[in-house]
Amino acid sequence: MSDSAGDARRLADEAAFYFAVGDEKAALACLESAVGADPACFEAWLAAAEIHFASRRLDEALAAAERALGLRPKDVHVHTSLSRIWMERGDKTKAEHHGAQARIFGWGQQLKEPDAGQGDLV
């Protein structure tokens, strides 16, 4: 991992802490720094999508989730986030599409690693 990628991951982790303790502004500042250091930091884009979604900023949530999707198109979590975002935006068709994608990729992971998904819901 390059230094900038490592810095971005650390900043994304720091952002998760700030969000968990209720400091959304600090969390978003960390994520902005993270993607500034490494625009390909999937974790930062996904976290930004979730923070914006929690704050009902659906346009920003969608933009961040789409960036994350571009980085990992087969990720269960990003499809789950997109499903939730699209449902809140009122597009049931897109929400169902991403929900189905999340289930498909989740099943694929379970087939590859049968013990890894025990106890997880998809």
Protein backbone atom coordinates (compact mmCIF):
# COMPACT_ATOMS: atom_id res chain seq x y z
CA MET A 1 0.00 0.00 0.00
CA SER A 2 1.41 3.38 -0.97
CA ASP A 3 1.82 6.06 1.68
CA SER A 4 -1.09 8.07 0.30
CA ALA A 5 -3.33 4.98 0.25
CA GLY A 6 -2.33 4.18 3.82
CA ASP A 7 -2.94 7.77 4.89
CA ALA A 8 -6.35 7.69 3.24
CA ARG A 9 -7.32 4.47 5.03
CA ARG A 10 -6.21 5.91 8.37
CA LEU A 11 -8.24 9.06 7.72
CA ALA A 12 -11.29 6.96 6.79
CA ASP A 13 -10.90 5.06 10.07
CA GLU A 14 -10.57 8.35 11.94
CA ALA A 15 -13.72 9.61 10.21
CA ALA A 16 -15.63 6.55 11.39
CA PHE A 17 -14.60 7.36 14.96
CA TYR A 18 -15.70 10.99 14.66
CA PHE A 19 -19.04 9.98 13.19
CA ALA A 20 -19.56 7.39 15.94
CA VAL A 21 -19.08 10.05 18.61
CA GLY A 22 -21.41 12.47 16.84
CA ASP A 23 -18.96 14.83 15.17
CA GLU A 24 -20.20 14.71 11.58
CA LYS A 25 -18.27 17.82 10.55
CA ALA A 26 -14.93 16.31 11.64
CA ALA A 27 -15.84 13.00 10.01
CA LEU A 28 -16.57 14.65 6.67
CA ALA A 29 -13.37 16.72 6.91
CA CYS A 30 -11.36 13.51 7.43
CA LEU A 31 -13.07 11.88 4.46
CA GLU A 32 -12.40 14.90 2.27
CA SER A 33 -8.73 14.66 3.23
CA ALA A 34 -8.78 10.91 2.62
CA VAL A 35 -10.03 11.20 -0.96
CA GLY A 36 -7.66 14.11 -1.48
CA ALA A 37 -4.78 11.83 -0.51
CA ASP A 38 -6.13 8.87 -2.48
CA PRO A 39 -9.14 9.39 -4.78
CA ALA A 40 -9.38 5.59 -5.08
CA CYS A 41 -10.04 5.08 -1.35
CA PHE A 42 -13.19 2.97 -1.49
CA GLU A 43 -13.68 3.05 2.28
CA ALA A 44 -13.73 6.85 2.31
CA TRP A 45 -16.31 7.10 -0.47
CA LEU A 46 -18.54 4.47 1.14
CA ALA A 47 -18.28 6.18 4.53
CA ALA A 48 -19.13 9.53 2.94
CA ALA A 49 -22.19 7.97 1.32
CA GLU A 50 -23.37 6.62 4.67
CA ILE A 51 -22.77 9.87 6.56
CA HIS A 52 -24.59 11.92 3.93
CA PHE A 53 -27.42 9.38 3.90
CA ALA A 54 -27.75 9.55 7.68
CA SER A 55 -28.01 13.33 7.40
CA ARG A 56 -30.62 13.08 4.63
CA ARG A 57 -28.33 14.68 2.03
CA LEU A 58 -29.35 12.20 -0.64
CA ASP A 59 -27.66 13.88 -3.62
CA GLU A 60 -24.30 13.85 -1.85
CA ALA A 61 -24.90 10.30 -0.62
CA LEU A 62 -25.67 9.13 -4.13
CA ALA A 63 -22.61 10.85 -5.62
CA ALA A 64 -20.29 9.29 -3.03
CA ALA A 65 -21.87 5.84 -3.38
CA GLU A 66 -21.51 5.98 -7.15
CA ARG A 67 -17.80 6.81 -6.75
CA ALA A 68 -17.47 3.81 -4.43
CA LEU A 69 -19.35 1.64 -6.93
CA GLY A 70 -16.93 2.66 -9.65
CA LEU A 71 -14.06 1.44 -7.47
CA ARG A 72 -15.66 -1.86 -6.38
CA PRO A 73 -18.61 -2.75 -8.59
CA LYS A 74 -19.14 -6.13 -6.90
CA ASP A 75 -19.12 -4.92 -3.29
CA VAL A 76 -22.12 -5.98 -1.20
CA HIS A 77 -21.99 -2.91 1.02
CA VAL A 78 -22.01 -0.31 -1.73
CA HIS A 79 -24.97 -2.00 -3.43
CA THR A 80 -26.79 -2.08 -0.09
CA SER A 81 -26.11 1.64 0.37
CA LEU A 82 -27.27 2.41 -3.15
CA SER A 83 -30.45 0.41 -2.59
CA ARG A 84 -31.25 2.42 0.53
CA ILE A 85 -30.43 5.72 -1.18
CA TRP A 86 -32.58 4.98 -4.23
CA MET A 87 -35.47 3.83 -2.06
CA GLU A 88 -35.36 7.12 -0.14
CA ARG A 89 -35.21 9.01 -3.42
CA GLY A 90 -38.37 7.19 -4.50
CA ASP A 91 -36.93 5.02 -7.28
CA LYS A 92 -38.07 1.54 -6.31
CA THR A 93 -36.76 -0.04 -9.54
CA LYS A 94 -33.19 1.14 -8.95
CA ALA A 95 -33.44 0.30 -5.26
CA GLU A 96 -34.54 -3.25 -6.06
CA HIS A 97 -31.78 -3.62 -8.65
CA HIS A 98 -29.08 -2.72 -6.15
CA GLY A 99 -30.70 -4.83 -3.44
CA ALA A 100 -30.62 -7.82 -5.79
CA GLN A 101 -26.98 -7.11 -6.66
CA ALA A 102 -26.11 -7.03 -2.97
CA ARG A 103 -27.77 -10.42 -2.44
CA ILE A 104 -26.06 -11.96 -5.47
CA PHE A 105 -22.61 -10.75 -4.44
CA GLY A 106 -23.28 -11.78 -0.86
CA TRP A 107 -24.17 -15.30 -1.97
CA GLY A 108 -21.02 -15.38 -4.08
CA GLN A 109 -18.94 -14.46 -1.05
CA GLN A 110 -20.63 -17.17 1.00
CA LEU A 111 -19.83 -19.75 -1.67
CA LYS A 112 -16.17 -18.69 -1.71
CA GLU A 113 -15.89 -18.45 2.08
CA PRO A 114 -18.69 -20.54 3.61
CA ASP A 115 -17.64 -19.87 7.22
CA ALA A 116 -17.09 -16.14 6.74
CA GLY A 117 -20.76 -15.22 6.42
CA GLN A 118 -22.13 -17.17 9.36
CA GLY A 119 -24.36 -14.94 11.39
CA ASP A 120 -24.38 -12.19 8.72
CA LEU A 121 -27.57 -11.10 7.08
CA VAL A 122 -27.61 -10.03 3.46
